[in-house]
């Protein structure tokens, strides 16, 4: 099983972390993340996957970027029990 998470990323932030939720262009909720790395050579994307894996308590290899490699809005699949991952995601947004 897996969980798909839509995120909006702020690269080159002063501090990495979860910033909360934001509405997307289509009205669907996006998880707002900040990473300190610049969006060059995939460094920010790798940092996003590591940050999300850390917050959800899974290995970084469990996170896969599905869409948005060159965009601030990304779609990420996280492998694991979807119910457990959803509960962890809700807890880190609070």
PDB file of N, CA and C in Angstrom:
ATOM      1  N   UNK A   1       0.837  -1.181   0.000  1.00  0.00           N
ATOM      2  CA  UNK A   1       0.000   0.000   0.000  1.00  0.00           C
ATOM      3  C   UNK A   1       0.882   1.243   0.000  1.00  0.00           C
ATOM      4  N   UNK A   2       0.282   2.355  -0.360  1.00  0.00           N
ATOM      5  CA  UNK A   2       1.048   3.597  -0.399  1.00  0.00           C
ATOM      6  C   UNK A   2       0.110   4.780  -0.205  1.00  0.00           C
ATOM      7  N   UNK A   3       0.725   5.919   0.031  1.00  0.00           N
ATOM      8  CA  UNK A   3       0.015   7.184   0.203  1.00  0.00           C
ATOM      9  C   UNK A   3       0.607   8.171  -0.788  1.00  0.00           C
ATOM     10  N   UNK A   4      -0.235   8.912  -1.492  1.00  0.00           N
ATOM     11  CA  UNK A   4       0.230   9.935  -2.420  1.00  0.00           C
ATOM     12  C   UNK A   4       0.002  11.297  -1.780  1.00  0.00           C
ATOM     13  N   UNK A   5       1.067  12.093  -1.753  1.00  0.00           N
ATOM     14  CA  UNK A   5       1.022  13.392  -1.081  1.00  0.00           C
ATOM     15  C   UNK A   5       1.349  14.491  -2.089  1.00  0.00           C
ATOM     16  N   UNK A   6       0.487  15.492  -2.171  1.00  0.00           N
ATOM     17  CA  UNK A   6       0.744  16.672  -2.999  1.00  0.00           C
ATOM     18  C   UNK A   6       1.421  17.714  -2.111  1.00  0.00           C
ATOM     19  N   UNK A   7       2.547  18.236  -2.579  1.00  0.00           N
ATOM     20  CA  UNK A   7       3.296  19.197  -1.772  1.00  0.00           C
ATOM     21  C   UNK A   7       3.605  20.457  -2.565  1.00  0.00           C
ATOM     22  N   UNK A   8       3.795  21.538  -1.836  1.00  0.00           N
ATOM     23  CA  UNK A   8       4.279  22.795  -2.408  1.00  0.00           C
ATOM     24  C   UNK A   8       5.560  23.117  -1.659  1.00  0.00           C
ATOM     25  N   UNK A   9       6.644  23.298  -2.388  1.00  0.00           N
ATOM     26  CA  UNK A   9       7.977  23.410  -1.802  1.00  0.00           C
ATOM     27  C   UNK A   9       8.503  24.840  -1.884  1.00  0.00           C
ATOM     28  N   UNK A  10       9.134  25.272  -0.800  1.00  0.00           N
ATOM     29  CA  UNK A  10       9.876  26.525  -0.778  1.00  0.00           C
ATOM     30  C   UNK A  10      11.354  26.164  -0.672  1.00  0.00           C
ATOM     31  N   UNK A  11      12.111  26.277  -1.778  1.00  0.00           N
ATOM     32  CA  UNK A  11      13.548  25.988  -1.711  1.00  0.00           C
ATOM     33  C   UNK A  11      14.319  27.180  -1.150  1.00  0.00           C
ATOM     34  N   UNK A  12      15.556  26.955  -0.773  1.00  0.00           N
ATOM     35  CA  UNK A  12      16.453  27.992  -0.247  1.00  0.00           C
ATOM     36  C   UNK A  12      15.855  28.718   0.959  1.00  0.00           C
ATOM     37  N   UNK A  13      15.134  27.977   1.788  1.00  0.00           N
ATOM     38  CA  UNK A  13      14.557  28.566   3.001  1.00  0.00           C
ATOM     39  C   UNK A  13      15.630  28.659   4.080  1.00  0.00           C
ATOM     40  N   UNK A  14      15.396  29.493   5.059  1.00  0.00           N
ATOM     41  CA  UNK A  14      16.349  29.611   6.167  1.00  0.00           C
ATOM     42  C   UNK A  14      16.372  28.347   7.004  1.00  0.00           C
ATOM     43  N   UNK A  15      15.186  27.716   7.136  1.00  0.00           N
ATOM     44  CA  UNK A  15      15.049  26.521   7.952  1.00  0.00           C
ATOM     45  C   UNK A  15      14.164  25.520   7.231  1.00  0.00           C
ATOM     46  N   UNK A  16      14.533  24.245   7.299  1.00  0.00           N
ATOM     47  CA  UNK A  16      13.727  23.193   6.691  1.00  0.00           C
ATOM     48  C   UNK A  16      12.625  22.776   7.642  1.00  0.00           C
ATOM     49  N   UNK A  17      11.472  22.424   7.083  1.00  0.00           N
ATOM     50  CA  UNK A  17      10.395  21.930   7.928  1.00  0.00           C
ATOM     51  C   UNK A  17       9.059  21.934   7.227  1.00  0.00           C
ATOM     52  N   UNK A  18       8.049  21.494   7.957  1.00  0.00           N
ATOM     53  CA  UNK A  18       6.675  21.481   7.477  1.00  0.00           C
ATOM     54  C   UNK A  18       6.039  22.812   7.865  1.00  0.00           C
ATOM     55  N   UNK A  19       5.473  23.509   6.887  1.00  0.00           N
ATOM     56  CA  UNK A  19       4.898  24.835   7.121  1.00  0.00           C
ATOM     57  C   UNK A  19       3.391  24.814   7.284  1.00  0.00           C
ATOM     58  N   UNK A  20       2.755  23.687   7.008  1.00  0.00           N
ATOM     59  CA  UNK A  20       1.304  23.588   7.129  1.00  0.00           C
ATOM     60  C   UNK A  20       0.667  23.164   5.827  1.00  0.00           C
ATOM     61  N   UNK A  21      -0.567  23.572   5.639  1.00  0.00           N
ATOM     62  CA  UNK A  21      -1.321  23.222   4.438  1.00  0.00           C
ATOM     63  C   UNK A  21      -1.655  24.494   3.661  1.00  0.00           C
ATOM     64  N   UNK A  22      -1.820  24.337   2.348  1.00  0.00           N
ATOM     65  CA  UNK A  22      -2.202  25.458   1.491  1.00  0.00           C
ATOM     66  C   UNK A  22      -3.125  24.928   0.401  1.00  0.00           C
ATOM     67  N   UNK A  23      -4.023  25.757  -0.090  1.00  0.00           N
ATOM     68  CA  UNK A  23      -4.876  25.300  -1.196  1.00  0.00           C
ATOM     69  C   UNK A  23      -4.094  25.316  -2.506  1.00  0.00           C
ATOM     70  N   UNK A  24      -4.297  24.301  -3.319  1.00  0.00           N
ATOM     71  CA  UNK A  24      -3.669  24.240  -4.633  1.00  0.00           C
ATOM     72  C   UNK A  24      -4.482  25.006  -5.654  1.00  0.00           C
ATOM     73  N   UNK A  25      -4.004  25.041  -6.873  1.00  0.00           N
ATOM     74  CA  UNK A  25      -4.710  25.755  -7.932  1.00  0.00           C
ATOM     75  C   UNK A  25      -6.091  25.172  -8.189  1.00  0.00           C
ATOM     76  N   UNK A  26      -6.214  23.859  -8.020  1.00  0.00           N
ATOM     77  CA  UNK A  26      -7.495  23.199  -8.250  1.00  0.00           C
ATOM     78  C   UNK A  26      -8.335  23.105  -6.978  1.00  0.00           C
ATOM     79  N   UNK A  27      -7.861  23.705  -5.893  1.00  0.00           N
ATOM     80  CA  UNK A  27      -8.589  23.683  -4.641  1.00  0.00           C
ATOM     81  C   UNK A  27      -8.219  22.532  -3.729  1.00  0.00           C
ATOM     82  N   UNK A  28      -7.471  21.564  -4.243  1.00  0.00           N
ATOM     83  CA  UNK A  28      -7.043  20.429  -3.421  1.00  0.00           C
ATOM     84  C   UNK A  28      -5.960  20.897  -2.446  1.00  0.00           C
ATOM     85  N   UNK A  29      -5.927  20.336  -1.245  1.00  0.00           N
ATOM     86  CA  UNK A  29      -4.923  20.771  -0.262  1.00  0.00           C
ATOM     87  C   UNK A  29      -3.517  20.302  -0.621  1.00  0.00           C
ATOM     88  N   UNK A  30      -2.546  21.157  -0.359  1.00  0.00           N
ATOM     89  CA  UNK A  30      -1.134  20.854  -0.575  1.00  0.00           C
ATOM     90  C   UNK A  30      -0.400  20.963   0.757  1.00  0.00           C
ATOM     91  N   UNK A  31       0.499  20.037   1.006  1.00  0.00           N
ATOM     92  CA  UNK A  31       1.369  20.109   2.177  1.00  0.00           C
ATOM     93  C   UNK A  31       2.498  21.070   1.841  1.00  0.00           C
ATOM     94  N   UNK A  32       2.684  22.103   2.653  1.00  0.00           N
ATOM     95  CA  UNK A  32       3.743  23.087   2.405  1.00  0.00           C
ATOM     96  C   UNK A  32       5.010  22.657   3.129  1.00  0.00           C
ATOM     97  N   UNK A  33       6.108  22.523   2.375  1.00  0.00           N
ATOM     98  CA  UNK A  33       7.403  22.137   2.925  1.00  0.00           C
ATOM     99  C   UNK A  33       8.436  23.182   2.565  1.00  0.00           C
ATOM    100  N   UNK A  34       9.415  23.366   3.436  1.00  0.00           N
ATOM    101  CA  UNK A  34      10.542  24.260   3.169  1.00  0.00           C
ATOM    102  C   UNK A  34      11.822  23.452   3.295  1.00  0.00           C
ATOM    103  N   UNK A  35      12.728  23.647   2.339  1.00  0.00           N
ATOM    104  CA  UNK A  35      14.044  22.998   2.382  1.00  0.00           C
ATOM    105  C   UNK A  35      15.116  24.057   2.188  1.00  0.00           C
ATOM    106  N   UNK A  36      16.286  23.820   2.738  1.00  0.00           N
ATOM    107  CA  UNK A  36      17.363  24.810   2.664  1.00  0.00           C
ATOM    108  C   UNK A  36      18.163  24.714   1.363  1.00  0.00           C
ATOM    109  N   UNK A  37      18.052  23.615   0.654  1.00  0.00           N
ATOM    110  CA  UNK A  37      18.827  23.424  -0.568  1.00  0.00           C
ATOM    111  C   UNK A  37      18.253  24.240  -1.725  1.00  0.00           C
ATOM    112  N   UNK A  38      19.137  24.602  -2.637  1.00  0.00           N
ATOM    113  CA  UNK A  38      18.735  25.323  -3.845  1.00  0.00           C
ATOM    114  C   UNK A  38      18.179  24.329  -4.858  1.00  0.00           C
ATOM    115  N   UNK A  39      17.286  24.794  -5.737  1.00  0.00           N
ATOM    116  CA  UNK A  39      16.709  23.896  -6.744  1.00  0.00           C
ATOM    117  C   UNK A  39      17.654  23.685  -7.929  1.00  0.00           C
ATOM    118  N   UNK A  40      18.821  23.165  -7.649  1.00  0.00           N
ATOM    119  CA  UNK A  40      19.826  22.931  -8.683  1.00  0.00           C
ATOM    120  C   UNK A  40      20.255  21.469  -8.661  1.00  0.00           C
ATOM    121  N   UNK A  41      20.274  20.847  -9.823  1.00  0.00           N
ATOM    122  CA  UNK A  41      20.752  19.472  -9.984  1.00  0.00           C
ATOM    123  C   UNK A  41      20.015  18.478  -9.092  1.00  0.00           C
ATOM    124  N   UNK A  42      18.738  18.750  -8.806  1.00  0.00           N
ATOM    125  CA  UNK A  42      17.923  17.827  -8.031  1.00  0.00           C
ATOM    126  C   UNK A  42      18.162  17.834  -6.530  1.00  0.00           C
ATOM    127  N   UNK A  43      18.980  18.772  -6.049  1.00  0.00           N
ATOM    128  CA  UNK A  43      19.277  18.792  -4.604  1.00  0.00           C
ATOM    129  C   UNK A  43      18.042  19.106  -3.776  1.00  0.00           C
ATOM    130  N   UNK A  44      17.218  20.053  -4.201  1.00  0.00           N
ATOM    131  CA  UNK A  44      16.009  20.394  -3.444  1.00  0.00           C
ATOM    132  C   UNK A  44      15.024  19.228  -3.472  1.00  0.00           C
ATOM    133  N   UNK A  45      14.893  18.548  -4.601  1.00  0.00           N
ATOM    134  CA  UNK A  45      13.992  17.394  -4.681  1.00  0.00           C
ATOM    135  C   UNK A  45      14.432  16.300  -3.716  1.00  0.00           C
ATOM    136  N   UNK A  46      15.721  16.025  -3.667  1.00  0.00           N
ATOM    137  CA  UNK A  46      16.236  15.007  -2.748  1.00  0.00           C
ATOM    138  C   UNK A  46      15.987  15.426  -1.300  1.00  0.00           C
ATOM    139  N   UNK A  47      16.131  16.711  -1.018  1.00  0.00           N
ATOM    140  CA  UNK A  47      15.892  17.209   0.342  1.00  0.00           C
ATOM    141  C   UNK A  47      14.415  17.079   0.715  1.00  0.00           C
ATOM    142  N   UNK A  48      13.525  17.316  -0.235  1.00  0.00           N
ATOM    143  CA  UNK A  48      12.092  17.169   0.013  1.00  0.00           C
ATOM    144  C   UNK A  48      11.762  15.721   0.362  1.00  0.00           C
ATOM    145  N   UNK A  49      12.309  14.788  -0.389  1.00  0.00           N
ATOM    146  CA  UNK A  49      12.046  13.370  -0.128  1.00  0.00           C
ATOM    147  C   UNK A  49      12.596  12.957   1.237  1.00  0.00           C
ATOM    148  N   UNK A  50      13.791  13.441   1.589  1.00  0.00           N
ATOM    149  CA  UNK A  50      14.366  13.122   2.910  1.00  0.00           C
ATOM    150  C   UNK A  50      13.530  13.717   4.035  1.00  0.00           C
ATOM    151  N   UNK A  51      13.088  14.973   3.871  1.00  0.00           N
ATOM    152  CA  UNK A  51      12.287  15.637   4.894  1.00  0.00           C
ATOM    153  C   UNK A  51      10.957  14.916   5.097  1.00  0.00           C
ATOM    154  N   UNK A  52      10.278  14.596   4.021  1.00  0.00           N
ATOM    155  CA  UNK A  52       8.996  13.917   4.126  1.00  0.00           C
ATOM    156  C   UNK A  52       9.165  12.530   4.749  1.00  0.00           C
ATOM    157  N   UNK A  53      10.209  11.817   4.348  1.00  0.00           N
ATOM    158  CA  UNK A  53      10.477  10.496   4.929  1.00  0.00           C
ATOM    159  C   UNK A  53      10.737  10.607   6.427  1.00  0.00           C
ATOM    160  N   UNK A  54      11.503  11.602   6.816  1.00  0.00           N
ATOM    161  CA  UNK A  54      11.805  11.800   8.237  1.00  0.00           C
ATOM    162  C   UNK A  54      10.541  12.088   9.040  1.00  0.00           C
ATOM    163  N   UNK A  55       9.701  12.979   8.531  1.00  0.00           N
ATOM    164  CA  UNK A  55       8.486  13.349   9.254  1.00  0.00           C
ATOM    165  C   UNK A  55       7.482  12.200   9.332  1.00  0.00           C
ATOM    166  N   UNK A  56       7.490  11.320   8.325  1.00  0.00           N
ATOM    167  CA  UNK A  56       6.543  10.208   8.317  1.00  0.00           C
ATOM    168  C   UNK A  56       7.127   8.938   8.928  1.00  0.00           C
ATOM    169  N   UNK A  57       8.391   8.969   9.299  1.00  0.00           N
ATOM    170  CA  UNK A  57       9.000   7.818   9.945  1.00  0.00           C
ATOM    171  C   UNK A  57       9.249   6.641   9.028  1.00  0.00           C
ATOM    172  N   UNK A  58       9.586   6.926   7.768  1.00  0.00           N
ATOM    173  CA  UNK A  58       9.903   5.868   6.811  1.00  0.00           C
ATOM    174  C   UNK A  58      11.300   6.118   6.251  1.00  0.00           C
ATOM    175  N   UNK A  59      11.839   5.127   5.584  1.00  0.00           N
ATOM    176  CA  UNK A  59      13.140   5.280   4.934  1.00  0.00           C
ATOM    177  C   UNK A  59      13.003   6.219   3.734  1.00  0.00           C
ATOM    178  N   UNK A  60      14.045   6.986   3.440  1.00  0.00           N
ATOM    179  CA  UNK A  60      13.976   7.867   2.264  1.00  0.00           C
ATOM    180  C   UNK A  60      13.698   7.112   0.959  1.00  0.00           C
ATOM    181  N   UNK A  61      14.107   5.865   0.898  1.00  0.00           N
ATOM    182  CA  UNK A  61      13.856   5.066  -0.310  1.00  0.00           C
ATOM    183  C   UNK A  61      12.378   4.733  -0.485  1.00  0.00           C
ATOM    184  N   UNK A  62      11.564   4.939   0.541  1.00  0.00           N
ATOM    185  CA  UNK A  62      10.124   4.684   0.455  1.00  0.00           C
ATOM    186  C   UNK A  62       9.389   5.828  -0.233  1.00  0.00           C
ATOM    187  N   UNK A  63      10.054   6.946  -0.459  1.00  0.00           N
ATOM    188  CA  UNK A  63       9.444   8.123  -1.091  1.00  0.00           C
ATOM    189  C   UNK A  63       9.909   8.235  -2.536  1.00  0.00           C
ATOM    190  N   UNK A  64       8.944   8.414  -3.436  1.00  0.00           N
ATOM    191  CA  UNK A  64       9.235   8.529  -4.862  1.00  0.00           C
ATOM    192  C   UNK A  64       8.560   9.771  -5.421  1.00  0.00           C
ATOM    193  N   UNK A  65       9.323  10.572  -6.157  1.00  0.00           N
ATOM    194  CA  UNK A  65       8.769  11.750  -6.819  1.00  0.00           C
ATOM    195  C   UNK A  65       8.042  11.296  -8.077  1.00  0.00           C
ATOM    196  N   UNK A  66       6.731  11.516  -8.132  1.00  0.00           N
ATOM    197  CA  UNK A  66       5.932  11.104  -9.282  1.00  0.00           C
ATOM    198  C   UNK A  66       5.815  12.199 -10.329  1.00  0.00           C
ATOM    199  N   UNK A  67       5.705  13.440  -9.859  1.00  0.00           N
ATOM    200  CA  UNK A  67       5.480  14.563 -10.779  1.00  0.00           C
ATOM    201  C   UNK A  67       6.009  15.838 -10.153  1.00  0.00           C
ATOM    202  N   UNK A  68       6.547  16.734 -10.982  1.00  0.00           N
ATOM    203  CA  UNK A  68       6.951  18.045 -10.506  1.00  0.00           C
ATOM    204  C   UNK A  68       8.428  18.219 -10.238  1.00  0.00           C
ATOM    205  N   UNK A  69       9.281  17.500 -10.947  1.00  0.00           N
ATOM    206  CA  UNK A  69      10.725  17.591 -10.707  1.00  0.00           C
ATOM    207  C   UNK A  69      11.251  19.016 -10.890  1.00  0.00           C
ATOM    208  N   UNK A  70      10.659  19.783 -11.795  1.00  0.00           N
ATOM    209  CA  UNK A  70      11.124  21.141 -12.052  1.00  0.00           C
ATOM    210  C   UNK A  70      10.114  22.189 -11.583  1.00  0.00           C
ATOM    211  N   UNK A  71       9.216  21.798 -10.701  1.00  0.00           N
ATOM    212  CA  UNK A  71       8.157  22.688 -10.241  1.00  0.00           C
ATOM    213  C   UNK A  71       8.154  22.763  -8.716  1.00  0.00           C
ATOM    214  N   UNK A  72       7.559  23.801  -8.177  1.00  0.00           N
ATOM    215  CA  UNK A  72       7.409  23.888  -6.723  1.00  0.00           C
ATOM    216  C   UNK A  72       6.305  22.970  -6.224  1.00  0.00           C
ATOM    217  N   UNK A  73       5.344  22.667  -7.087  1.00  0.00           N
ATOM    218  CA  UNK A  73       4.278  21.730  -6.720  1.00  0.00           C
ATOM    219  C   UNK A  73       4.679  20.347  -7.182  1.00  0.00           C
ATOM    220  N   UNK A  74       4.644  19.389  -6.265  1.00  0.00           N
ATOM    221  CA  UNK A  74       5.108  18.040  -6.538  1.00  0.00           C
ATOM    222  C   UNK A  74       4.090  17.025  -6.054  1.00  0.00           C
ATOM    223  N   UNK A  75       4.150  15.847  -6.633  1.00  0.00           N
ATOM    224  CA  UNK A  75       3.341  14.723  -6.210  1.00  0.00           C
ATOM    225  C   UNK A  75       4.303  13.618  -5.809  1.00  0.00           C
ATOM    226  N   UNK A  76       4.179  13.142  -4.575  1.00  0.00           N
ATOM    227  CA  UNK A  76       5.117  12.178  -4.023  1.00  0.00           C
ATOM    228  C   UNK A  76       4.346  10.964  -3.519  1.00  0.00           C
ATOM    229  N   UNK A  77       4.842   9.770  -3.883  1.00  0.00           N
ATOM    230  CA  UNK A  77       4.267   8.534  -3.365  1.00  0.00           C
ATOM    231  C   UNK A  77       5.137   8.051  -2.217  1.00  0.00           C
ATOM    232  N   UNK A  78       4.486   7.686  -1.095  1.00  0.00           N
ATOM    233  CA  UNK A  78       5.187   7.160   0.069  1.00  0.00           C
ATOM    234  C   UNK A  78       4.699   5.730   0.279  1.00  0.00           C
ATOM    235  N   UNK A  79       5.623   4.770   0.222  1.00  0.00           N
ATOM    236  CA  UNK A  79       5.277   3.363   0.402  1.00  0.00           C
ATOM    237  C   UNK A  79       5.097   3.063   1.881  1.00  0.00           C
ATOM    238  N   UNK A  80       4.066   2.301   2.199  1.00  0.00           N
ATOM    239  CA  UNK A  80       3.787   1.920   3.573  1.00  0.00           C
ATOM    240  C   UNK A  80       2.294   1.812   3.790  1.00  0.00           C
ATOM    241  N   UNK A  81       1.897   1.552   5.017  1.00  0.00           N
ATOM    242  CA  UNK A  81       0.494   1.448   5.379  1.00  0.00           C
ATOM    243  C   UNK A  81      -0.141   2.832   5.274  1.00  0.00           C
ATOM    244  N   UNK A  82      -1.094   2.977   4.365  1.00  0.00           N
ATOM    245  CA  UNK A  82      -1.686   4.284   4.086  1.00  0.00           C
ATOM    246  C   UNK A  82      -2.358   4.895   5.313  1.00  0.00           C
ATOM    247  N   UNK A  83      -3.031   4.086   6.121  1.00  0.00           N
ATOM    248  CA  UNK A  83      -3.719   4.618   7.304  1.00  0.00           C
ATOM    249  C   UNK A  83      -2.715   5.162   8.323  1.00  0.00           C
ATOM    250  N   UNK A  84      -1.632   4.435   8.536  1.00  0.00           N
ATOM    251  CA  UNK A  84      -0.601   4.875   9.482  1.00  0.00           C
ATOM    252  C   UNK A  84       0.081   6.140   8.964  1.00  0.00           C
ATOM    253  N   UNK A  85       0.409   6.153   7.673  1.00  0.00           N
ATOM    254  CA  UNK A  85       1.070   7.314   7.082  1.00  0.00           C
ATOM    255  C   UNK A  85       0.171   8.549   7.127  1.00  0.00           C
ATOM    256  N   UNK A  86      -1.125   8.371   6.870  1.00  0.00           N
ATOM    257  CA  UNK A  86      -2.070   9.501   6.913  1.00  0.00           C
ATOM    258  C   UNK A  86      -2.151  10.069   8.323  1.00  0.00           C
ATOM    259  N   UNK A  87      -2.143   9.195   9.329  1.00  0.00           N
ATOM    260  CA  UNK A  87      -2.190   9.667  10.722  1.00  0.00           C
ATOM    261  C   UNK A  87      -0.918  10.423  11.072  1.00  0.00           C
ATOM    262  N   UNK A  88       0.233   9.941  10.630  1.00  0.00           N
ATOM    263  CA  UNK A  88       1.507  10.630  10.900  1.00  0.00           C
ATOM    264  C   UNK A  88       1.547  11.965  10.180  1.00  0.00           C
ATOM    265  N   UNK A  89       1.021  12.002   8.969  1.00  0.00           N
ATOM    266  CA  UNK A  89       0.980  13.241   8.200  1.00  0.00           C
ATOM    267  C   UNK A  89       0.100  14.270   8.899  1.00  0.00           C
ATOM    268  N   UNK A  90      -1.049  13.844   9.369  1.00  0.00           N
ATOM    269  CA  UNK A  90      -1.954  14.755  10.087  1.00  0.00           C
ATOM    270  C   UNK A  90      -1.300  15.282  11.354  1.00  0.00           C
ATOM    271  N   UNK A  91      -0.539  14.437  12.042  1.00  0.00           N
ATOM    272  CA  UNK A  91       0.116  14.859  13.270  1.00  0.00           C
ATOM    273  C   UNK A  91       1.213  15.879  13.003  1.00  0.00           C
ATOM    274  N   UNK A  92       1.921  15.756  11.902  1.00  0.00           N
ATOM    275  CA  UNK A  92       3.027  16.704  11.659  1.00  0.00           C
ATOM    276  C   UNK A  92       2.530  18.039  11.132  1.00  0.00           C
ATOM    277  N   UNK A  93       1.286  18.109  10.677  1.00  0.00           N
ATOM    278  CA  UNK A  93       0.719  19.367  10.177  1.00  0.00           C
ATOM    279  C   UNK A  93       0.177  20.205  11.336  1.00  0.00           C
ATOM    280  N   UNK A  94      -0.219  19.560  12.402  1.00  0.00           N
ATOM    281  CA  UNK A  94      -0.793  20.288  13.542  1.00  0.00           C
ATOM    282  C   UNK A  94       0.189  21.183  14.205  1.00  0.00           C
TER     283      UNK A  94
END
